[in-house]
Each structure stands twice: as structure tokens, then as C-alpha cells.
Amino acid sequence: MEFCNPFDEQLARQGPAGVFMLDPEGAWRFEANWSRDAWQRSPGPHDLGWRFVLLRDRHTGFVQLALATSPNLLAEHPRSDVRQFAALEEALAERERFGRPPLCREAW
């Protein structure tokens, strides 16, 4: 896995629970707004452990990939259906099923 810089990688490996998204170059980048929003909904305590998360926007059907460094940080979302995977390969394979761009009209 590639991170956009050493700071983001250290946050993912040793920091508090957070949310990371892929940047345009395909590297994982810490997302402060997503992380703050998730912390407000789920203030913890947070079990540490990476989960690769697919988030299906309930309005558009767009399926987005995220990395949550706690399984309970993005367990649910008010505007998205959530699926968690232990392995990145599993999440990528599931997202590929929805085509390009990844769209899923049916609720999970």
C-alpha cells in the first residue's frame, strides 16, 4: 500500500482512529473532515485495526473506497450504506462489480 507521504502513513499505522481516501495518484491520504465527522458520530473508544470500507451514497449510488483505522469508526454512516472488508483486495474486487464509475442503485 502506498501513502501520499510519510506523515499520512504514520497516522494510519500509529495514530488515533482515522479515515483515509485514495488521492488522484492512487495513494492513501488522511481525510480530516471525514475523520472528524466519523468521530462525532462514534466518539469511541475505538478498537484499532484497519478496515477497507465501501460507502454507497444512498442518493447517487456512487461507491467510494475508504480506509478506516478502526472497525467501529465507520461502522455506519447517515448518508451511505457501509460494507467493511479486512483485505484491500476483497474491497477492490467488490467495487469492481459495480463497473466504472462504480454505481450501485440497490440499497445494501
Protein backbone atom coordinates (compact mmCIF):
# COMPACT_ATOMS: atom_id res chain seq x y z
CA MET A 1 0.00 0.00 0.00
CA GLU A 2 1.19 3.43 -0.86
CA PHE A 3 0.55 6.56 1.18
CA CYS A 4 0.81 10.09 -0.18
CA ASN A 5 3.58 10.93 2.30
CA PRO A 6 5.31 9.56 5.45
CA PHE A 7 3.10 11.68 7.73
CA ASP A 8 -0.11 10.04 6.46
CA GLU A 9 1.44 6.59 6.70
CA GLN A 10 2.48 7.18 10.31
CA LEU A 11 -1.03 8.42 11.14
CA ALA A 12 -2.51 5.26 9.64
CA ARG A 13 -0.11 2.94 11.43
CA GLN A 14 0.31 4.64 14.81
CA GLY A 15 -2.20 7.48 15.15
CA PRO A 16 -5.72 7.66 16.51
CA ALA A 17 -8.58 6.15 14.54
CA GLY A 18 -8.96 7.99 11.25
CA VAL A 19 -10.33 7.85 7.72
CA PHE A 20 -8.14 7.78 4.59
CA MET A 21 -9.16 8.08 0.94
CA LEU A 22 -7.29 7.42 -2.27
CA ASP A 23 -5.93 10.56 -3.92
CA PRO A 24 -5.88 11.01 -7.75
CA GLU A 25 -2.49 9.27 -7.90
CA GLY A 26 -3.85 6.21 -6.05
CA ALA A 27 -2.10 6.85 -2.72
CA TRP A 28 -3.87 6.84 0.65
CA ARG A 29 -4.38 10.32 2.13
CA PHE A 30 -5.67 11.25 5.60
CA GLU A 31 -9.09 12.92 5.38
CA ALA A 32 -9.53 15.27 8.34
CA ASN A 33 -13.16 16.16 7.55
CA TRP A 34 -14.23 12.54 7.17
CA SER A 35 -12.34 11.63 10.35
CA ARG A 36 -13.88 14.44 12.40
CA ASP A 37 -17.35 13.58 11.11
CA ALA A 38 -16.87 9.90 11.98
CA TRP A 39 -15.55 10.77 15.46
CA GLN A 40 -18.62 12.94 16.11
CA ARG A 41 -20.92 10.01 15.28
CA SER A 42 -18.75 7.41 17.03
CA PRO A 43 -16.65 9.07 19.76
CA GLY A 44 -15.06 5.83 20.90
CA PRO A 45 -13.31 4.21 22.44
CA HIS A 46 -12.09 2.86 19.11
CA ASP A 47 -10.61 -0.56 18.59
CA LEU A 48 -7.57 -0.23 16.37
CA GLY A 49 -7.41 -2.33 13.24
CA TRP A 50 -7.66 -1.48 9.57
CA ARG A 51 -10.85 -1.98 7.63
CA PHE A 52 -11.32 -1.23 3.96
CA VAL A 53 -14.75 0.30 3.61
CA LEU A 54 -17.09 0.65 0.67
CA LEU A 55 -19.55 3.51 1.08
CA ARG A 56 -22.55 3.57 -1.25
CA ASP A 57 -24.11 7.03 -1.46
CA ARG A 58 -27.84 6.49 -0.97
CA HIS A 59 -28.75 9.37 -3.31
CA THR A 60 -26.43 8.76 -6.27
CA GLY A 61 -25.45 5.09 -5.86
CA PHE A 62 -21.75 6.00 -6.21
CA VAL A 63 -19.50 3.53 -4.36
CA GLN A 64 -16.44 5.05 -2.72
CA LEU A 65 -13.48 3.24 -1.13
CA ALA A 66 -12.04 4.32 2.22
CA LEU A 67 -9.59 3.02 4.79
CA ALA A 68 -10.74 3.27 8.41
CA THR A 69 -8.10 2.51 11.03
CA SER A 70 -10.78 1.28 13.44
CA PRO A 71 -13.59 -1.17 12.64
CA ASN A 72 -16.09 0.84 14.69
CA LEU A 73 -15.19 4.28 13.28
CA LEU A 74 -17.14 3.88 10.01
CA ALA A 75 -19.49 1.08 11.02
CA GLU A 76 -22.40 3.23 9.82
CA HIS A 77 -22.95 6.49 8.01
CA PRO A 78 -26.06 8.72 7.83
CA ARG A 79 -25.95 9.13 4.02
CA SER A 80 -24.24 5.94 2.87
CA ASP A 81 -24.61 2.19 3.05
CA VAL A 82 -21.45 0.68 4.53
CA ARG A 83 -19.58 -2.57 3.89
CA GLN A 84 -16.29 -3.38 5.63
CA PHE A 85 -13.55 -5.74 4.46
CA ALA A 86 -10.43 -7.00 6.22
CA ALA A 87 -8.41 -7.03 2.99
CA LEU A 88 -7.99 -4.34 0.35
CA GLU A 89 -8.19 -6.95 -2.42
CA GLU A 90 -11.65 -8.01 -1.24
CA ALA A 91 -12.92 -4.42 -1.21
CA LEU A 92 -11.46 -3.69 -4.65
CA ALA A 93 -12.98 -6.86 -6.13
CA GLU A 94 -16.39 -5.98 -4.71
CA ARG A 95 -16.19 -2.40 -6.01
CA GLU A 96 -15.19 -3.67 -9.49
CA ARG A 97 -18.54 -5.49 -9.69
CA PHE A 98 -20.25 -2.09 -9.93
CA GLY A 99 -18.44 -1.01 -13.10
CA ARG A 100 -16.78 2.29 -13.97
CA PRO A 101 -17.72 4.57 -12.45
CA PRO A 102 -18.76 2.28 -9.58
CA LEU A 103 -22.54 2.72 -9.28
CA CYS A 104 -24.96 0.55 -7.33
CA ARG A 105 -28.62 1.55 -7.49
CA GLU A 106 -29.86 -1.04 -4.97
CA ALA A 107 -29.51 -0.49 -1.21
CA TRP A 108 -27.27 -2.89 0.67
